[in-house]
Amino acid sequence: APVANLKLAVVMFDGDESLVNQMAPYDHAREVLTT
């Protein structure tokens, strides 16, 4: 989400498989937010 003036990003329960994209590029929400 293109949040303007992003100051805080949070991902909860990063071991949950629902946070992994099942289609290319198979990204993980945790890796998106750390980036």
Full PDB file with SEQRES, HELIX, SHEET, SSBOND, CRYST1, ORIGX, SCALE, CONECT and MASTER records, all heavy atoms in Angstrom:
SEQRES   1 A   35  ALA PRO VAL ALA ASN LEU LYS LEU ALA VAL VAL MET PHE          
SEQRES   2 A   35  ASP GLY ASP GLU SER LEU VAL ASN GLN MET ALA PRO TYR          
SEQRES   3 A   35  ASP HIS ALA ARG GLU VAL LEU THR THR                          
HELIX    1 AA1 GLU A   17  LEU A   19  5                                   3    
HELIX    2 AA2 ALA A   29  THR A   34  1                                   6    
CRYST1    1.000    1.000    1.000  90.00  90.00  90.00 P 1           1          
ORIGX1      1.000000  0.000000  0.000000        0.00000                         
ORIGX2      0.000000  1.000000  0.000000        0.00000                         
ORIGX3      0.000000  0.000000  1.000000        0.00000                         
SCALE1      1.000000  0.000000  0.000000        0.00000                         
SCALE2      0.000000  1.000000  0.000000        0.00000                         
SCALE3      0.000000  0.000000  1.000000        0.00000                         
ATOM      1  N   ALA A   1       0.837  -1.202   0.000  1.00  0.00           N  
ATOM      2  CA  ALA A   1       0.000   0.000   0.000  1.00  0.00           C  
ATOM      3  C   ALA A   1       0.868   1.247   0.000  1.00  0.00           C  
ATOM      4  O   ALA A   1       1.798   1.368   0.816  1.00  0.00           O  
ATOM      5  CB  ALA A   1      -0.931  -0.007   1.211  1.00  0.00           C  
ATOM      6  N   PRO A   2       0.587   2.218  -0.880  1.00  0.00           N  
ATOM      7  CA  PRO A   2       1.453   3.406  -1.019  1.00  0.00           C  
ATOM      8  C   PRO A   2       1.195   4.447   0.064  1.00  0.00           C  
ATOM      9  O   PRO A   2       0.826   5.594  -0.227  1.00  0.00           O  
ATOM     10  CB  PRO A   2       1.081   3.925  -2.407  1.00  0.00           C  
ATOM     11  CG  PRO A   2      -0.358   3.564  -2.563  1.00  0.00           C  
ATOM     12  CD  PRO A   2      -0.521   2.230  -1.861  1.00  0.00           C  
ATOM     13  N   VAL A   3       1.377   4.060   1.314  1.00  0.00           N  
ATOM     14  CA  VAL A   3       1.088   4.950   2.435  1.00  0.00           C  
ATOM     15  C   VAL A   3       2.009   6.168   2.369  1.00  0.00           C  
ATOM     16  O   VAL A   3       3.230   6.038   2.291  1.00  0.00           O  
ATOM     17  CB  VAL A   3       1.265   4.216   3.776  1.00  0.00           C  
ATOM     18  CG1 VAL A   3       0.991   5.149   4.943  1.00  0.00           C  
ATOM     19  CG2 VAL A   3       0.350   2.996   3.832  1.00  0.00           C  
ATOM     20  N   ALA A   4       1.414   7.349   2.405  1.00  0.00           N  
ATOM     21  CA  ALA A   4       2.194   8.586   2.368  1.00  0.00           C  
ATOM     22  C   ALA A   4       2.839   8.840   3.726  1.00  0.00           C  
ATOM     23  O   ALA A   4       2.252   8.562   4.772  1.00  0.00           O  
ATOM     24  CB  ALA A   4       1.290   9.752   1.977  1.00  0.00           C  
ATOM     25  N   ASN A   5       4.066   9.339   3.710  1.00  0.00           N  
ATOM     26  CA  ASN A   5       4.798   9.674   4.935  1.00  0.00           C  
ATOM     27  C   ASN A   5       4.804   8.490   5.904  1.00  0.00           C  
ATOM     28  O   ASN A   5       4.503   8.623   7.097  1.00  0.00           O  
ATOM     29  CB  ASN A   5       4.171  10.902   5.606  1.00  0.00           C  
ATOM     30  CG  ASN A   5       5.028  11.455   6.733  1.00  0.00           C  
ATOM     31  OD1 ASN A   5       6.251  11.330   6.719  1.00  0.00           O  
ATOM     32  ND2 ASN A   5       4.400  12.055   7.738  1.00  0.00           N  
ATOM     33  N   LEU A   6       5.143   7.319   5.390  1.00  0.00           N  
ATOM     34  CA  LEU A   6       5.121   6.099   6.201  1.00  0.00           C  
ATOM     35  C   LEU A   6       6.127   6.209   7.345  1.00  0.00           C  
ATOM     36  O   LEU A   6       7.321   6.396   7.125  1.00  0.00           O  
ATOM     37  CB  LEU A   6       5.448   4.890   5.325  1.00  0.00           C  
ATOM     38  CG  LEU A   6       5.426   3.523   6.015  1.00  0.00           C  
ATOM     39  CD1 LEU A   6       4.035   3.215   6.566  1.00  0.00           C  
ATOM     40  CD2 LEU A   6       5.865   2.423   5.050  1.00  0.00           C  
ATOM     41  N   LYS A   7       5.622   6.077   8.567  1.00  0.00           N  
ATOM     42  CA  LYS A   7       6.467   6.173   9.750  1.00  0.00           C  
ATOM     43  C   LYS A   7       6.522   4.880  10.549  1.00  0.00           C  
ATOM     44  O   LYS A   7       7.459   4.670  11.321  1.00  0.00           O  
ATOM     45  CB  LYS A   7       5.966   7.313  10.655  1.00  0.00           C  
ATOM     46  CG  LYS A   7       6.152   8.708  10.069  1.00  0.00           C  
ATOM     47  CD  LYS A   7       7.637   9.014   9.867  1.00  0.00           C  
ATOM     48  CE  LYS A   7       7.848  10.417   9.345  1.00  0.00           C  
ATOM     49  NZ  LYS A   7       9.301  10.719   9.148  1.00  0.00           N  
ATOM     50  N   LEU A   8       5.516   4.022  10.386  1.00  0.00           N  
ATOM     51  CA  LEU A   8       5.487   2.769  11.150  1.00  0.00           C  
ATOM     52  C   LEU A   8       4.916   1.666  10.278  1.00  0.00           C  
ATOM     53  O   LEU A   8       3.805   1.784   9.765  1.00  0.00           O  
ATOM     54  CB  LEU A   8       4.637   2.925  12.420  1.00  0.00           C  
ATOM     55  CG  LEU A   8       4.413   1.647  13.246  1.00  0.00           C  
ATOM     56  CD1 LEU A   8       5.738   1.104  13.777  1.00  0.00           C  
ATOM     57  CD2 LEU A   8       3.440   1.905  14.395  1.00  0.00           C  
ATOM     58  N   ALA A   9       5.690   0.593  10.116  1.00  0.00           N  
ATOM     59  CA  ALA A   9       5.229  -0.609   9.418  1.00  0.00           C  
ATOM     60  C   ALA A   9       5.277  -1.774  10.397  1.00  0.00           C  
ATOM     61  O   ALA A   9       6.228  -1.895  11.179  1.00  0.00           O  
ATOM     62  CB  ALA A   9       6.103  -0.899   8.203  1.00  0.00           C  
ATOM     63  N   VAL A  10       4.262  -2.609  10.369  1.00  0.00           N  
ATOM     64  CA  VAL A  10       4.154  -3.735  11.302  1.00  0.00           C  
ATOM     65  C   VAL A  10       3.710  -4.969  10.533  1.00  0.00           C  
ATOM     66  O   VAL A  10       2.804  -4.889   9.691  1.00  0.00           O  
ATOM     67  CB  VAL A  10       3.135  -3.444  12.429  1.00  0.00           C  
ATOM     68  CG1 VAL A  10       3.079  -4.607  13.414  1.00  0.00           C  
ATOM     69  CG2 VAL A  10       3.458  -2.140  13.143  1.00  0.00           C  
ATOM     70  N   VAL A  11       4.325  -6.098  10.827  1.00  0.00           N  
ATOM     71  CA  VAL A  11       3.823  -7.382  10.343  1.00  0.00           C  
ATOM     72  C   VAL A  11       3.694  -8.297  11.554  1.00  0.00           C  
ATOM     73  O   VAL A  11       4.629  -8.450  12.345  1.00  0.00           O  
ATOM     74  CB  VAL A  11       4.739  -7.997   9.261  1.00  0.00           C  
ATOM     75  CG1 VAL A  11       6.167  -8.184   9.755  1.00  0.00           C  
ATOM     76  CG2 VAL A  11       4.170  -9.331   8.779  1.00  0.00           C  
ATOM     77  N   MET A  12       2.511  -8.880  11.717  1.00  0.00           N  
ATOM     78  CA  MET A  12       2.246  -9.756  12.857  1.00  0.00           C  
ATOM     79  C   MET A  12       2.212 -11.208  12.412  1.00  0.00           C  
ATOM     80  O   MET A  12       1.735 -11.540  11.328  1.00  0.00           O  
ATOM     81  CB  MET A  12       0.908  -9.383  13.502  1.00  0.00           C  
ATOM     82  CG  MET A  12       0.881  -8.003  14.167  1.00  0.00           C  
ATOM     83  SD  MET A  12       2.056  -7.816  15.529  1.00  0.00           S  
ATOM     84  CE  MET A  12       1.493  -9.092  16.669  1.00  0.00           C  
ATOM     85  N   PHE A  13       2.746 -12.076  13.276  1.00  0.00           N  
ATOM     86  CA  PHE A  13       2.707 -13.527  13.082  1.00  0.00           C  
ATOM     87  C   PHE A  13       3.358 -13.899  11.746  1.00  0.00           C  
ATOM     88  O   PHE A  13       2.741 -14.532  10.887  1.00  0.00           O  
ATOM     89  CB  PHE A  13       1.270 -14.039  13.168  1.00  0.00           C  
ATOM     90  CG  PHE A  13       0.498 -13.480  14.331  1.00  0.00           C  
ATOM     91  CD1 PHE A  13      -0.601 -12.648  14.140  1.00  0.00           C  
ATOM     92  CD2 PHE A  13       0.888 -13.757  15.632  1.00  0.00           C  
ATOM     93  CE1 PHE A  13      -1.293 -12.113  15.211  1.00  0.00           C  
ATOM     94  CE2 PHE A  13       0.192 -13.234  16.715  1.00  0.00           C  
ATOM     95  CZ  PHE A  13      -0.903 -12.417  16.510  1.00  0.00           C  
ATOM     96  N   ASP A  14       4.625 -13.510  11.575  1.00  0.00           N  
ATOM     97  CA  ASP A  14       5.289 -13.677  10.280  1.00  0.00           C  
ATOM     98  C   ASP A  14       5.576 -15.134   9.939  1.00  0.00           C  
ATOM     99  O   ASP A  14       5.987 -15.419   8.812  1.00  0.00           O  
ATOM    100  CB  ASP A  14       6.583 -12.864  10.225  1.00  0.00           C  
ATOM    101  CG  ASP A  14       7.613 -13.327  11.249  1.00  0.00           C  
ATOM    102  OD1 ASP A  14       7.265 -13.412  12.453  1.00  0.00           O  
ATOM    103  OD2 ASP A  14       8.758 -13.595  10.868  1.00  0.00           O  
ATOM    104  N   GLY A  15       5.348 -16.053  10.872  1.00  0.00           N  
ATOM    105  CA  GLY A  15       5.493 -17.464  10.540  1.00  0.00           C  
ATOM    106  C   GLY A  15       4.271 -18.047   9.860  1.00  0.00           C  
ATOM    107  O   GLY A  15       4.302 -19.194   9.398  1.00  0.00           O  
ATOM    108  N   ASP A  16       3.191 -17.278   9.742  1.00  0.00           N  
ATOM    109  CA  ASP A  16       1.958 -17.761   9.124  1.00  0.00           C  
ATOM    110  C   ASP A  16       2.125 -17.825   7.606  1.00  0.00           C  
ATOM    111  O   ASP A  16       2.554 -16.859   6.969  1.00  0.00           O  
ATOM    112  CB  ASP A  16       0.798 -16.835   9.475  1.00  0.00           C  
ATOM    113  CG  ASP A  16      -0.561 -17.444   9.182  1.00  0.00           C  
ATOM    114  OD1 ASP A  16      -0.803 -17.787   8.005  1.00  0.00           O  
ATOM    115  OD2 ASP A  16      -1.371 -17.571  10.108  1.00  0.00           O  
ATOM    116  N   GLU A  17       1.771 -18.954   7.015  1.00  0.00           N  
ATOM    117  CA  GLU A  17       1.939 -19.144   5.577  1.00  0.00           C  
ATOM    118  C   GLU A  17       1.024 -18.256   4.749  1.00  0.00           C  
ATOM    119  O   GLU A  17       1.255 -18.077   3.550  1.00  0.00           O  
ATOM    120  CB  GLU A  17       1.710 -20.615   5.211  1.00  0.00           C  
ATOM    121  CG  GLU A  17       2.776 -21.543   5.752  1.00  0.00           C  
ATOM    122  CD  GLU A  17       2.613 -22.961   5.251  1.00  0.00           C  
ATOM    123  OE1 GLU A  17       1.850 -23.174   4.289  1.00  0.00           O  
ATOM    124  OE2 GLU A  17       3.249 -23.865   5.819  1.00  0.00           O  
ATOM    125  N   SER A  18      -0.002 -17.686   5.359  1.00  0.00           N  
ATOM    126  CA  SER A  18      -0.881 -16.781   4.625  1.00  0.00           C  
ATOM    127  C   SER A  18      -0.155 -15.519   4.175  1.00  0.00           C  
ATOM    128  O   SER A  18      -0.624 -14.822   3.275  1.00  0.00           O  
ATOM    129  CB  SER A  18      -2.083 -16.385   5.489  1.00  0.00           C  
ATOM    130  OG  SER A  18      -2.843 -17.503   5.857  1.00  0.00           O  
ATOM    131  N   LEU A  19       0.982 -15.228   4.775  1.00  0.00           N  
ATOM    132  CA  LEU A  19       1.740 -14.033   4.422  1.00  0.00           C  
ATOM    133  C   LEU A  19       2.673 -14.266   3.241  1.00  0.00           C  
ATOM    134  O   LEU A  19       3.390 -13.349   2.835  1.00  0.00           O  
ATOM    135  CB  LEU A  19       2.547 -13.549   5.630  1.00  0.00           C  
ATOM    136  CG  LEU A  19       1.711 -13.084   6.827  1.00  0.00           C  
ATOM    137  CD1 LEU A  19       2.604 -12.791   8.021  1.00  0.00           C  
ATOM    138  CD2 LEU A  19       0.890 -11.856   6.477  1.00  0.00           C  
ATOM    139  N   VAL A  20       2.662 -15.477   2.688  1.00  0.00           N  
ATOM    140  CA  VAL A  20       3.503 -15.801   1.537  1.00  0.00           C  
ATOM    141  C   VAL A  20       2.641 -15.806   0.286  1.00  0.00           C  
ATOM    142  O   VAL A  20       1.611 -16.489   0.229  1.00  0.00           O  
ATOM    143  CB  VAL A  20       4.182 -17.174   1.710  1.00  0.00           C  
ATOM    144  CG1 VAL A  20       5.099 -17.472   0.523  1.00  0.00           C  
ATOM    145  CG2 VAL A  20       4.981 -17.214   3.005  1.00  0.00           C  
ATOM    146  N   ASN A  21       3.054 -15.074  -0.719  1.00  0.00           N  
ATOM    147  CA  ASN A  21       2.355 -15.043  -2.003  1.00  0.00           C  
ATOM    148  C   ASN A  21       2.509 -16.390  -2.692  1.00  0.00           C  
ATOM    149  O   ASN A  21       3.625 -16.897  -2.837  1.00  0.00           O  
ATOM    150  CB  ASN A  21       2.934 -13.924  -2.877  1.00  0.00           C  
ATOM    151  CG  ASN A  21       2.072 -13.619  -4.085  1.00  0.00           C  
ATOM    152  OD1 ASN A  21       1.139 -14.352  -4.418  1.00  0.00           O  
ATOM    153  ND2 ASN A  21       2.380 -12.532  -4.761  1.00  0.00           N  
ATOM    154  N   GLN A  22       1.406 -16.986  -3.120  1.00  0.00           N  
ATOM    155  CA  GLN A  22       1.451 -18.291  -3.776  1.00  0.00           C  
ATOM    156  C   GLN A  22       1.661 -18.183  -5.282  1.00  0.00           C  
ATOM    157  O   GLN A  22       1.645 -19.196  -5.984  1.00  0.00           O  
ATOM    158  CB  GLN A  22       0.157 -19.062  -3.487  1.00  0.00           C  
ATOM    159  CG  GLN A  22      -0.083 -19.320  -2.017  1.00  0.00           C  
ATOM    160  CD  GLN A  22       1.074 -20.043  -1.344  1.00  0.00           C  
ATOM    161  OE1 GLN A  22       1.542 -21.067  -1.833  1.00  0.00           O  
ATOM    162  NE2 GLN A  22       1.540 -19.523  -0.218  1.00  0.00           N  
ATOM    163  N   MET A  23       1.849 -16.985  -5.782  1.00  0.00           N  
ATOM    164  CA  MET A  23       2.128 -16.752  -7.195  1.00  0.00           C  
ATOM    165  C   MET A  23       3.431 -15.964  -7.302  1.00  0.00           C  
ATOM    166  O   MET A  23       3.901 -15.359  -6.337  1.00  0.00           O  
ATOM    167  CB  MET A  23       0.975 -15.983  -7.854  1.00  0.00           C  
ATOM    168  CG  MET A  23      -0.363 -16.703  -7.782  1.00  0.00           C  
ATOM    169  SD  MET A  23      -1.703 -15.708  -8.484  1.00  0.00           S  
ATOM    170  CE  MET A  23      -1.166 -15.575 -10.193  1.00  0.00           C  
ATOM    171  N   ALA A  24       4.021 -15.995  -8.507  1.00  0.00           N  
ATOM    172  CA  ALA A  24       5.265 -15.260  -8.729  1.00  0.00           C  
ATOM    173  C   ALA A  24       5.071 -13.798  -8.333  1.00  0.00           C  
ATOM    174  O   ALA A  24       4.031 -13.215  -8.660  1.00  0.00           O  
ATOM    175  CB  ALA A  24       5.688 -15.363 -10.194  1.00  0.00           C  
ATOM    176  N   PRO A  25       6.019 -13.242  -7.581  1.00  0.00           N  
ATOM    177  CA  PRO A  25       7.376 -13.720  -7.283  1.00  0.00           C  
ATOM    178  C   PRO A  25       7.512 -14.494  -5.980  1.00  0.00           C  
ATOM    179  O   PRO A  25       8.619 -14.604  -5.456  1.00  0.00           O  
ATOM    180  CB  PRO A  25       8.175 -12.428  -7.220  1.00  0.00           C  
ATOM    181  CG  PRO A  25       7.220 -11.448  -6.615  1.00  0.00           C  
ATOM    182  CD  PRO A  25       5.866 -11.811  -7.167  1.00  0.00           C  
ATOM    183  N   TYR A  26       6.411 -14.988  -5.396  1.00  0.00           N  
ATOM    184  CA  TYR A  26       6.428 -15.796  -4.172  1.00  0.00           C  
ATOM    185  C   TYR A  26       7.053 -15.021  -3.011  1.00  0.00           C  
ATOM    186  O   TYR A  26       7.813 -15.565  -2.207  1.00  0.00           O  
ATOM    187  CB  TYR A  26       7.180 -17.112  -4.418  1.00  0.00           C  
ATOM    188  CG  TYR A  26       6.684 -17.854  -5.618  1.00  0.00           C  
ATOM    189  CD1 TYR A  26       7.389 -17.821  -6.823  1.00  0.00           C  
ATOM    190  CD2 TYR A  26       5.496 -18.563  -5.586  1.00  0.00           C  
ATOM    191  CE1 TYR A  26       6.923 -18.482  -7.953  1.00  0.00           C  
ATOM    192  CE2 TYR A  26       5.016 -19.232  -6.712  1.00  0.00           C  
ATOM    193  CZ  TYR A  26       5.742 -19.176  -7.889  1.00  0.00           C  
ATOM    194  OH  TYR A  26       5.278 -19.827  -9.006  1.00  0.00           O  
ATOM    195  N   ASP A  27       6.711 -13.752  -2.903  1.00  0.00           N  
ATOM    196  CA  ASP A  27       7.284 -12.882  -1.892  1.00  0.00           C  
ATOM    197  C   ASP A  27       6.583 -13.073  -0.552  1.00  0.00           C  
ATOM    198  O   ASP A  27       5.439 -13.518  -0.483  1.00  0.00           O  
ATOM    199  CB  ASP A  27       7.168 -11.422  -2.339  1.00  0.00           C  
ATOM    200  CG  ASP A  27       5.749 -11.083  -2.784  1.00  0.00           C  
ATOM    201  OD1 ASP A  27       5.221 -11.776  -3.665  1.00  0.00           O  
ATOM    202  OD2 ASP A  27       5.161 -10.128  -2.243  1.00  0.00           O  
ATOM    203  N   HIS A  28       7.285 -12.707   0.506  1.00  0.00           N  
ATOM    204  CA  HIS A  28       6.769 -12.783   1.865  1.00  0.00           C  
ATOM    205  C   HIS A  28       6.538 -11.359   2.365  1.00  0.00           C  
ATOM    206  O   HIS A  28       7.375 -10.478   2.165  1.00  0.00           O  
ATOM    207  CB  HIS A  28       7.777 -13.500   2.761  1.00  0.00           C  
ATOM    208  CG  HIS A  28       7.240 -13.934   4.089  1.00  0.00           C  
ATOM    209  ND1 HIS A  28       6.764 -13.035   5.034  1.00  0.00           N  
ATOM    210  CD2 HIS A  28       7.093 -15.156   4.652  1.00  0.00           C  
ATOM    211  CE1 HIS A  28       6.354 -13.692   6.106  1.00  0.00           C  
ATOM    212  NE2 HIS A  28       6.544 -14.977   5.900  1.00  0.00           N  
ATOM    213  N   ALA A  29       5.402 -11.127   3.014  1.00  0.00           N  
ATOM    214  CA  ALA A  29       5.079  -9.785   3.499  1.00  0.00           C  
ATOM    215  C   ALA A  29       6.155  -9.254   4.434  1.00  0.00           C  
ATOM    216  O   ALA A  29       6.421  -8.042   4.469  1.00  0.00           O  
ATOM    217  CB  ALA A  29       3.721  -9.793   4.203  1.00  0.00           C  
ATOM    218  N   ARG A  30       6.786 -10.141   5.200  1.00  0.00           N  
ATOM    219  CA  ARG A  30       7.876  -9.692   6.086  1.00  0.00           C  
ATOM    220  C   ARG A  30       9.023  -9.094   5.279  1.00  0.00           C  
ATOM    221  O   ARG A  30       9.580  -8.043   5.626  1.00  0.00           O  
ATOM    222  CB  ARG A  30       8.392 -10.871   6.907  1.00  0.00           C  
ATOM    223  CG  ARG A  30       9.589 -10.523   7.801  1.00  0.00           C  
ATOM    224  CD  ARG A  30      10.208 -11.761   8.431  1.00  0.00           C  
ATOM    225  NE  ARG A  30      10.661 -12.698   7.424  1.00  0.00           N  
ATOM    226  CZ  ARG A  30      10.199 -13.937   7.300  1.00  0.00           C  
ATOM    227  NH1 ARG A  30       9.279 -14.389   8.121  1.00  0.00           N  
ATOM    228  NH2 ARG A  30      10.654 -14.730   6.350  1.00  0.00           N  
ATOM    229  N   GLU A  31       9.387  -9.743   4.175  1.00  0.00           N  
ATOM    230  CA  GLU A  31      10.491  -9.248   3.359  1.00  0.00           C  
ATOM    231  C   GLU A  31      10.113  -7.947   2.657  1.00  0.00           C  
ATOM    232  O   GLU A  31      10.956  -7.070   2.449  1.00  0.00           O  
ATOM    233  CB  GLU A  31      10.900 -10.309   2.333  1.00  0.00           C  
ATOM    234  CG  GLU A  31      11.289 -11.636   2.945  1.00  0.00           C  
ATOM    235  CD  GLU A  31      12.389 -11.483   3.985  1.00  0.00           C  
ATOM    236  OE1 GLU A  31      13.375 -10.765   3.721  1.00  0.00           O  
ATOM    237  OE2 GLU A  31      12.264 -12.057   5.081  1.00  0.00           O  
ATOM    238  N   VAL A  32       8.854  -7.826   2.282  1.00  0.00           N  
ATOM    239  CA  VAL A  32       8.400  -6.573   1.659  1.00  0.00           C  
ATOM    240  C   VAL A  32       8.542  -5.419   2.637  1.00  0.00           C  
ATOM    241  O   VAL A  32       9.053  -4.338   2.293  1.00  0.00           O  
ATOM    242  CB  VAL A  32       6.940  -6.698   1.171  1.00  0.00           C  
ATOM    243  CG1 VAL A  32       6.447  -5.367   0.601  1.00  0.00           C  
ATOM    244  CG2 VAL A  32       6.818  -7.792   0.117  1.00  0.00           C  
ATOM    245  N   LEU A  33       8.129  -5.633   3.886  1.00  0.00           N  
ATOM    246  CA  LEU A  33       8.161  -4.538   4.857  1.00  0.00           C  
ATOM    247  C   LEU A  33       9.569  -4.260   5.364  1.00  0.00           C  
ATOM    248  O   LEU A  33       9.894  -3.103   5.675  1.00  0.00           O  
ATOM    249  CB  LEU A  33       7.223  -4.850   6.020  1.00  0.00           C  
ATOM    250  CG  LEU A  33       5.730  -4.832   5.669  1.00  0.00           C  
ATOM    251  CD1 LEU A  33       4.875  -5.013   6.919  1.00  0.00           C  
ATOM    252  CD2 LEU A  33       5.330  -3.547   4.964  1.00  0.00           C  
ATOM    253  N   THR A  34      10.432  -5.273   5.477  1.00  0.00           N  
ATOM    254  CA  THR A  34      11.819  -4.980   5.853  1.00  0.00           C  
ATOM    255  C   THR A  34      12.497  -4.166   4.757  1.00  0.00           C  
ATOM    256  O   THR A  34      13.290  -3.262   5.049  1.00  0.00           O  
ATOM    257  CB  THR A  34      12.609  -6.272   6.110  1.00  0.00           C  
ATOM    258  OG1 THR A  34      12.513  -7.144   4.975  1.00  0.00           O  
ATOM    259  CG2 THR A  34      12.087  -7.000   7.343  1.00  0.00           C  
ATOM    260  N   THR A  35      12.166  -4.468   3.502  1.00  0.00           N  
ATOM    261  CA  THR A  35      12.718  -3.686   2.393  1.00  0.00           C  
ATOM    262  C   THR A  35      12.189  -2.259   2.426  1.00  0.00           C  
ATOM    263  O   THR A  35      12.937  -1.295   2.206  1.00  0.00           O  
ATOM    264  CB  THR A  35      12.378  -4.353   1.056  1.00  0.00           C  
ATOM    265  OG1 THR A  35      12.834  -5.712   1.053  1.00  0.00           O  
ATOM    266  CG2 THR A  35      13.036  -3.618  -0.105  1.00  0.00           C  
TER     267      THR A  35                                                      
MASTER        0    0    0    2    0    0    0    6  266    1    0    3          
END                                                                             
